[in-house]
Amino acid sequence: MIYLRNSDPNSKYVLPRLTGWTGGSAGKILRMFLERIGIEKHVTLHTLRACFATHLLATGAEPMKVMRMGGWSDLKTFQIDIRMAGVDVKGVSDALDVLPTASIKNVLSLHK
């Protein structure tokens, strides 16, 4: 079994810090990886972080925990990054009770 957890108990990071991923080289490594697996779209580490957060929120994770986990220090920036997710409005209308509780007579069925 492979463990990704940082082996240094005094480190402030949960995951080990990979050498060679500084100064923009992480983006180069990502581009090379995407090319190798046949993805030709422009993807950035920023995009991956936003997608990661979006998926967590869509599954019901608490926004403040996702924000902390993803490294956002500002709620406004976090909201900008996930603005396309639609998870901020997911379930808002669930409490609306628009369907009648009693059966209604004289309703024409649209199905045959």
C-alpha atoms as a PDB file:
ATOM      1  CA  MET A   1       0.000   0.000   0.000  1.00  0.00           C
ATOM      2  CA  ILE A   2       1.275   3.480  -0.875  1.00  0.00           C
ATOM      3  CA  TYR A   3       0.918   6.206   1.720  1.00  0.00           C
ATOM      4  CA  LEU A   4       0.908   9.817   0.575  1.00  0.00           C
ATOM      5  CA  ARG A   5       0.875  11.326   4.050  1.00  0.00           C
ATOM      6  CA  ASN A   6       3.925  13.390   4.931  1.00  0.00           C
ATOM      7  CA  SER A   7       6.319  11.325   7.053  1.00  0.00           C
ATOM      8  CA  ASP A   8       7.617  14.379   8.919  1.00  0.00           C
ATOM      9  CA  PRO A   9       5.466  14.749  12.065  1.00  0.00           C
ATOM     10  CA  ASN A  10       6.627  18.367  12.521  1.00  0.00           C
ATOM     11  CA  SER A  11       5.618  19.473   9.023  1.00  0.00           C
ATOM     12  CA  LYS A  12       2.746  21.914   8.595  1.00  0.00           C
ATOM     13  CA  TYR A  13       1.755  20.038   5.409  1.00  0.00           C
ATOM     14  CA  VAL A  14      -0.300  16.832   5.275  1.00  0.00           C
ATOM     15  CA  LEU A  15       1.125  15.734   1.940  1.00  0.00           C
ATOM     16  CA  PRO A  16       4.851  15.637   1.198  1.00  0.00           C
ATOM     17  CA  ARG A  17       6.203  18.636  -0.706  1.00  0.00           C
ATOM     18  CA  LEU A  18       7.545  17.496  -4.043  1.00  0.00           C
ATOM     19  CA  THR A  19      10.815  19.054  -5.101  1.00  0.00           C
ATOM     20  CA  GLY A  20      10.853  20.404  -8.622  1.00  0.00           C
ATOM     21  CA  TRP A  21       7.286  21.702  -8.467  1.00  0.00           C
ATOM     22  CA  THR A  22       8.227  25.316  -7.806  1.00  0.00           C
ATOM     23  CA  GLY A  23       8.740  28.299 -10.078  1.00  0.00           C
ATOM     24  CA  GLY A  24       6.106  27.300 -12.617  1.00  0.00           C
ATOM     25  CA  SER A  25       7.441  23.812 -13.209  1.00  0.00           C
ATOM     26  CA  ALA A  26       4.246  22.266 -11.801  1.00  0.00           C
ATOM     27  CA  GLY A  27       2.322  23.719 -14.742  1.00  0.00           C
ATOM     28  CA  LYS A  28       4.866  22.283 -17.184  1.00  0.00           C
ATOM     29  CA  ILE A  29       4.579  18.870 -15.560  1.00  0.00           C
ATOM     30  CA  LEU A  30       0.781  19.060 -15.763  1.00  0.00           C
ATOM     31  CA  ARG A  31       0.917  19.992 -19.461  1.00  0.00           C
ATOM     32  CA  MET A  32       3.291  17.085 -20.210  1.00  0.00           C
ATOM     33  CA  PHE A  33       1.015  14.694 -18.325  1.00  0.00           C
ATOM     34  CA  LEU A  34      -2.078  15.896 -20.209  1.00  0.00           C
ATOM     35  CA  GLU A  35      -0.275  15.542 -23.545  1.00  0.00           C
ATOM     36  CA  ARG A  36       0.777  11.993 -22.694  1.00  0.00           C
ATOM     37  CA  ILE A  37      -2.761  10.915 -21.879  1.00  0.00           C
ATOM     38  CA  GLY A  38      -4.159  12.621 -24.968  1.00  0.00           C
ATOM     39  CA  ILE A  39      -5.895  15.647 -23.460  1.00  0.00           C
ATOM     40  CA  GLU A  40      -5.330  18.653 -25.692  1.00  0.00           C
ATOM     41  CA  LYS A  41      -7.411  21.197 -23.776  1.00  0.00           C
ATOM     42  CA  HIS A  42      -5.799  23.955 -21.752  1.00  0.00           C
ATOM     43  CA  VAL A  43      -6.003  22.921 -18.101  1.00  0.00           C
ATOM     44  CA  THR A  44      -4.320  24.736 -15.235  1.00  0.00           C
ATOM     45  CA  LEU A  45      -3.684  23.750 -11.637  1.00  0.00           C
ATOM     46  CA  HIS A  46      -6.099  26.540 -10.711  1.00  0.00           C
ATOM     47  CA  THR A  47      -8.802  24.864 -12.821  1.00  0.00           C
ATOM     48  CA  LEU A  48      -8.139  21.505 -11.176  1.00  0.00           C
ATOM     49  CA  ARG A  49      -8.443  23.046  -7.717  1.00  0.00           C
ATOM     50  CA  ALA A  50     -11.769  24.680  -8.614  1.00  0.00           C
ATOM     51  CA  CYS A  51     -13.088  21.397 -10.093  1.00  0.00           C
ATOM     52  CA  PHE A  52     -11.975  19.508  -6.988  1.00  0.00           C
ATOM     53  CA  ALA A  53     -13.867  21.954  -4.775  1.00  0.00           C
ATOM     54  CA  THR A  54     -16.927  21.823  -7.022  1.00  0.00           C
ATOM     55  CA  HIS A  55     -17.098  18.038  -6.822  1.00  0.00           C
ATOM     56  CA  LEU A  56     -16.716  18.052  -3.051  1.00  0.00           C
ATOM     57  CA  LEU A  57     -19.478  20.643  -2.656  1.00  0.00           C
ATOM     58  CA  ALA A  58     -21.757  18.759  -5.037  1.00  0.00           C
ATOM     59  CA  THR A  59     -21.487  15.688  -2.822  1.00  0.00           C
ATOM     60  CA  GLY A  60     -22.505  17.656   0.252  1.00  0.00           C
ATOM     61  CA  ALA A  61     -19.174  18.613   1.807  1.00  0.00           C
ATOM     62  CA  GLU A  62     -19.241  21.645   4.081  1.00  0.00           C
ATOM     63  CA  PRO A  63     -18.101  24.764   2.164  1.00  0.00           C
ATOM     64  CA  MET A  64     -15.829  26.042   4.934  1.00  0.00           C
ATOM     65  CA  LYS A  65     -14.019  22.692   5.133  1.00  0.00           C
ATOM     66  CA  VAL A  66     -13.588  22.573   1.350  1.00  0.00           C
ATOM     67  CA  MET A  67     -12.313  26.143   1.413  1.00  0.00           C
ATOM     68  CA  ARG A  68      -9.765  25.295   4.094  1.00  0.00           C
ATOM     69  CA  MET A  69      -8.730  22.067   2.371  1.00  0.00           C
ATOM     70  CA  GLY A  70      -8.235  23.773  -0.988  1.00  0.00           C
ATOM     71  CA  GLY A  71      -6.174  26.583   0.454  1.00  0.00           C
ATOM     72  CA  TRP A  72      -8.578  29.466  -0.066  1.00  0.00           C
ATOM     73  CA  SER A  73      -8.069  32.147   2.548  1.00  0.00           C
ATOM     74  CA  ASP A  74     -10.811  34.410   1.282  1.00  0.00           C
ATOM     75  CA  LEU A  75     -14.505  33.494   0.941  1.00  0.00           C
ATOM     76  CA  LYS A  76     -14.994  35.904  -1.961  1.00  0.00           C
ATOM     77  CA  THR A  77     -12.232  34.247  -4.006  1.00  0.00           C
ATOM     78  CA  PHE A  78     -13.616  30.823  -3.161  1.00  0.00           C
ATOM     79  CA  GLN A  79     -17.058  31.847  -4.409  1.00  0.00           C
ATOM     80  CA  ILE A  80     -15.561  33.194  -7.638  1.00  0.00           C
ATOM     81  CA  ASP A  81     -13.737  29.923  -8.256  1.00  0.00           C
ATOM     82  CA  ILE A  82     -16.855  27.792  -7.806  1.00  0.00           C
ATOM     83  CA  ARG A  83     -19.377  30.187  -9.380  1.00  0.00           C
ATOM     84  CA  MET A  84     -20.140  27.862 -12.283  1.00  0.00           C
ATOM     85  CA  ALA A  85     -20.823  24.854 -10.071  1.00  0.00           C
ATOM     86  CA  GLY A  86     -24.458  25.596  -9.277  1.00  0.00           C
ATOM     87  CA  VAL A  87     -23.981  23.942  -5.908  1.00  0.00           C
ATOM     88  CA  ASP A  88     -24.697  27.199  -4.126  1.00  0.00           C
ATOM     89  CA  VAL A  89     -28.335  26.868  -5.208  1.00  0.00           C
ATOM     90  CA  LYS A  90     -28.610  23.083  -5.102  1.00  0.00           C
ATOM     91  CA  GLY A  91     -31.600  22.039  -3.025  1.00  0.00           C
ATOM     92  CA  VAL A  92     -32.852  25.578  -2.374  1.00  0.00           C
ATOM     93  CA  SER A  93     -36.301  24.807  -3.762  1.00  0.00           C
ATOM     94  CA  ASP A  94     -36.605  21.381  -2.124  1.00  0.00           C
ATOM     95  CA  ALA A  95     -38.654  22.827   0.738  1.00  0.00           C
ATOM     96  CA  LEU A  96     -41.232  24.367  -1.602  1.00  0.00           C
ATOM     97  CA  ASP A  97     -44.462  22.457  -1.376  1.00  0.00           C
ATOM     98  CA  VAL A  98     -46.075  23.189  -4.719  1.00  0.00           C
ATOM     99  CA  LEU A  99     -47.742  19.847  -5.325  1.00  0.00           C
ATOM    100  CA  PRO A 100     -51.227  19.348  -3.911  1.00  0.00           C
ATOM    101  CA  THR A 101     -51.575  16.851  -1.081  1.00  0.00           C
ATOM    102  CA  ALA A 102     -55.092  15.719  -2.032  1.00  0.00           C
ATOM    103  CA  SER A 103     -55.960  14.161  -5.335  1.00  0.00           C
ATOM    104  CA  ILE A 104     -57.402  16.584  -7.837  1.00  0.00           C
ATOM    105  CA  LYS A 105     -60.396  15.663  -9.991  1.00  0.00           C
ATOM    106  CA  ASN A 106     -61.021  16.873 -13.505  1.00  0.00           C
ATOM    107  CA  VAL A 107     -57.347  16.762 -14.447  1.00  0.00           C
ATOM    108  CA  LEU A 108     -56.571  15.673 -17.992  1.00  0.00           C
ATOM    109  CA  SER A 109     -53.705  13.204 -18.232  1.00  0.00           C
ATOM    110  CA  LEU A 110     -51.106  14.006 -20.866  1.00  0.00           C
ATOM    111  CA  HIS A 111     -49.936  10.374 -21.032  1.00  0.00           C
ATOM    112  CA  LYS A 112     -51.816   7.669 -22.878  1.00  0.00           C
END
